[in-house]
Each structure stands twice: as C-alpha cells, then as structure tokens.
C-alpha atoms as a PDB file:
ATOM      1  CA  UNK A   1     -31.520  30.196 -10.794  1.00  0.00           C
ATOM      2  CA  UNK A   2     -29.159  29.222  -8.003  1.00  0.00           C
ATOM      3  CA  UNK A   3     -26.762  32.041  -7.062  1.00  0.00           C
ATOM      4  CA  UNK A   4     -23.646  31.201  -5.046  1.00  0.00           C
ATOM      5  CA  UNK A   5     -20.728  33.305  -3.856  1.00  0.00           C
ATOM      6  CA  UNK A   6     -17.279  31.779  -4.155  1.00  0.00           C
ATOM      7  CA  UNK A   7     -13.802  33.150  -3.463  1.00  0.00           C
ATOM      8  CA  UNK A   8     -10.612  32.453  -5.413  1.00  0.00           C
ATOM      9  CA  UNK A   9      -9.900  28.726  -5.664  1.00  0.00           C
ATOM     10  CA  UNK A  10     -13.304  27.754  -4.226  1.00  0.00           C
ATOM     11  CA  UNK A  11     -15.477  25.399  -6.264  1.00  0.00           C
ATOM     12  CA  UNK A  12     -19.037  24.321  -6.966  1.00  0.00           C
ATOM     13  CA  UNK A  13     -19.825  20.703  -7.880  1.00  0.00           C
ATOM     14  CA  UNK A  14     -22.827  19.663  -9.992  1.00  0.00           C
ATOM     15  CA  UNK A  15     -23.998  16.145  -9.175  1.00  0.00           C
ATOM     16  CA  UNK A  16     -22.681  14.368  -6.125  1.00  0.00           C
ATOM     17  CA  UNK A  17     -22.754  11.375  -3.831  1.00  0.00           C
ATOM     18  CA  UNK A  18     -25.599   8.921  -3.847  1.00  0.00           C
ATOM     19  CA  UNK A  19     -27.524   8.526  -7.085  1.00  0.00           C
ATOM     20  CA  UNK A  20     -25.385  10.993  -9.042  1.00  0.00           C
ATOM     21  CA  UNK A  21     -21.762  10.986 -10.056  1.00  0.00           C
ATOM     22  CA  UNK A  22     -19.931  14.291 -10.121  1.00  0.00           C
ATOM     23  CA  UNK A  23     -20.854  15.735 -13.515  1.00  0.00           C
ATOM     24  CA  UNK A  24     -19.093  19.088 -13.370  1.00  0.00           C
ATOM     25  CA  UNK A  25     -16.761  20.975 -11.058  1.00  0.00           C
ATOM     26  CA  UNK A  26     -16.448  24.754 -11.511  1.00  0.00           C
ATOM     27  CA  UNK A  27     -13.603  26.571  -9.735  1.00  0.00           C
ATOM     28  CA  UNK A  28     -13.060  30.329  -9.463  1.00  0.00           C
ATOM     29  CA  UNK A  29      -9.482  30.752 -10.678  1.00  0.00           C
ATOM     30  CA  UNK A  30      -9.183  34.526 -10.514  1.00  0.00           C
ATOM     31  CA  UNK A  31     -11.240  37.647  -9.928  1.00  0.00           C
ATOM     32  CA  UNK A  32      -9.731  40.791 -11.425  1.00  0.00           C
ATOM     33  CA  UNK A  33     -11.394  44.128 -12.245  1.00  0.00           C
ATOM     34  CA  UNK A  34     -14.872  42.724 -11.746  1.00  0.00           C
ATOM     35  CA  UNK A  35     -14.301  39.736 -14.057  1.00  0.00           C
ATOM     36  CA  UNK A  36     -13.969  36.150 -12.939  1.00  0.00           C
ATOM     37  CA  UNK A  37     -11.990  33.366 -14.591  1.00  0.00           C
ATOM     38  CA  UNK A  38     -13.593  29.973 -14.121  1.00  0.00           C
ATOM     39  CA  UNK A  39     -12.112  26.504 -14.538  1.00  0.00           C
ATOM     40  CA  UNK A  40     -14.359  23.606 -15.536  1.00  0.00           C
ATOM     41  CA  UNK A  41     -13.634  19.934 -14.826  1.00  0.00           C
ATOM     42  CA  UNK A  42     -15.915  17.413 -16.476  1.00  0.00           C
ATOM     43  CA  UNK A  43     -15.680  13.932 -17.920  1.00  0.00           C
ATOM     44  CA  UNK A  44     -14.708  14.014 -21.591  1.00  0.00           C
ATOM     45  CA  UNK A  45     -18.194  12.721 -22.450  1.00  0.00           C
ATOM     46  CA  UNK A  46     -19.825  15.843 -20.938  1.00  0.00           C
ATOM     47  CA  UNK A  47     -19.852  18.715 -23.448  1.00  0.00           C
ATOM     48  CA  UNK A  48     -19.046  22.142 -21.996  1.00  0.00           C
ATOM     49  CA  UNK A  49     -19.815  25.230 -24.100  1.00  0.00           C
ATOM     50  CA  UNK A  50     -20.296  28.956 -23.665  1.00  0.00           C
ATOM     51  CA  UNK A  51     -24.046  29.711 -23.720  1.00  0.00           C
ATOM     52  CA  UNK A  52     -23.952  31.418 -27.127  1.00  0.00           C
ATOM     53  CA  UNK A  53     -22.125  28.426 -28.675  1.00  0.00           C
ATOM     54  CA  UNK A  54     -24.585  26.004 -27.079  1.00  0.00           C
ATOM     55  CA  UNK A  55     -27.500  27.995 -28.528  1.00  0.00           C
ATOM     56  CA  UNK A  56     -25.948  27.860 -32.016  1.00  0.00           C
ATOM     57  CA  UNK A  57     -25.488  24.099 -31.689  1.00  0.00           C
ATOM     58  CA  UNK A  58     -29.128  23.712 -30.617  1.00  0.00           C
ATOM     59  CA  UNK A  59     -30.309  25.785 -33.586  1.00  0.00           C
ATOM     60  CA  UNK A  60     -28.314  23.625 -36.001  1.00  0.00           C
ATOM     61  CA  UNK A  61     -29.732  20.353 -34.581  1.00  0.00           C
ATOM     62  CA  UNK A  62     -31.781  18.247 -36.930  1.00  0.00           C
ATOM     63  CA  UNK A  63     -35.234  16.880 -36.124  1.00  0.00           C
ATOM     64  CA  UNK A  64     -33.651  13.972 -34.220  1.00  0.00           C
ATOM     65  CA  UNK A  65     -31.934  16.344 -31.783  1.00  0.00           C
ATOM     66  CA  UNK A  66     -28.439  15.364 -32.909  1.00  0.00           C
ATOM     67  CA  UNK A  67     -26.188  18.182 -34.157  1.00  0.00           C
ATOM     68  CA  UNK A  68     -25.715  18.036 -37.913  1.00  0.00           C
ATOM     69  CA  UNK A  69     -22.183  19.435 -37.582  1.00  0.00           C
ATOM     70  CA  UNK A  70     -20.958  18.623 -34.077  1.00  0.00           C
ATOM     71  CA  UNK A  71     -18.101  20.807 -32.796  1.00  0.00           C
ATOM     72  CA  UNK A  72     -14.604  19.339 -33.044  1.00  0.00           C
ATOM     73  CA  UNK A  73     -13.817  19.959 -29.384  1.00  0.00           C
ATOM     74  CA  UNK A  74     -16.028  19.681 -26.321  1.00  0.00           C
ATOM     75  CA  UNK A  75     -14.760  22.835 -24.588  1.00  0.00           C
ATOM     76  CA  UNK A  76     -15.670  26.043 -26.347  1.00  0.00           C
END
C-alpha cells in the first residue's frame, strides 16, 4: 500500500505521462475533525465506487466477469 500525506487542495494522480494517460485525480477538499473529504476526477468510462459498493458489484458478477445488474451511475 502506498501512503501519502496531502494538505487541503493538494492532489494525487494515478497514471501519468508516457505510456499512461491520467486515469484518476484525487484531491483533498477538506479535513475537519479527523475526517477528510476527497474529490475524484476520472474519465466517465472509469468507474469510481466506495470499496464496499465495489465488493458488492464483484460478488454479483456472473462467470464472465460482467456485472449482472450494473449500477446506474459510475460514482457511488
């Protein structure tokens, strides 16, 4: 696991120059009472889910790996 420290309005980018396009940008929007609010920027074709939602989607996948009931929106 990669662990990074970021301050308000600082970002982390997944992917990058060269062989990879920027896949995901995560920005710390606010830190208040020990909780952080994060903003995610990704292409509409890149699904972004909370971990527990992603796990439910994976469990509901058929044998072909495609969700049987895909979520209506990509940001959960």
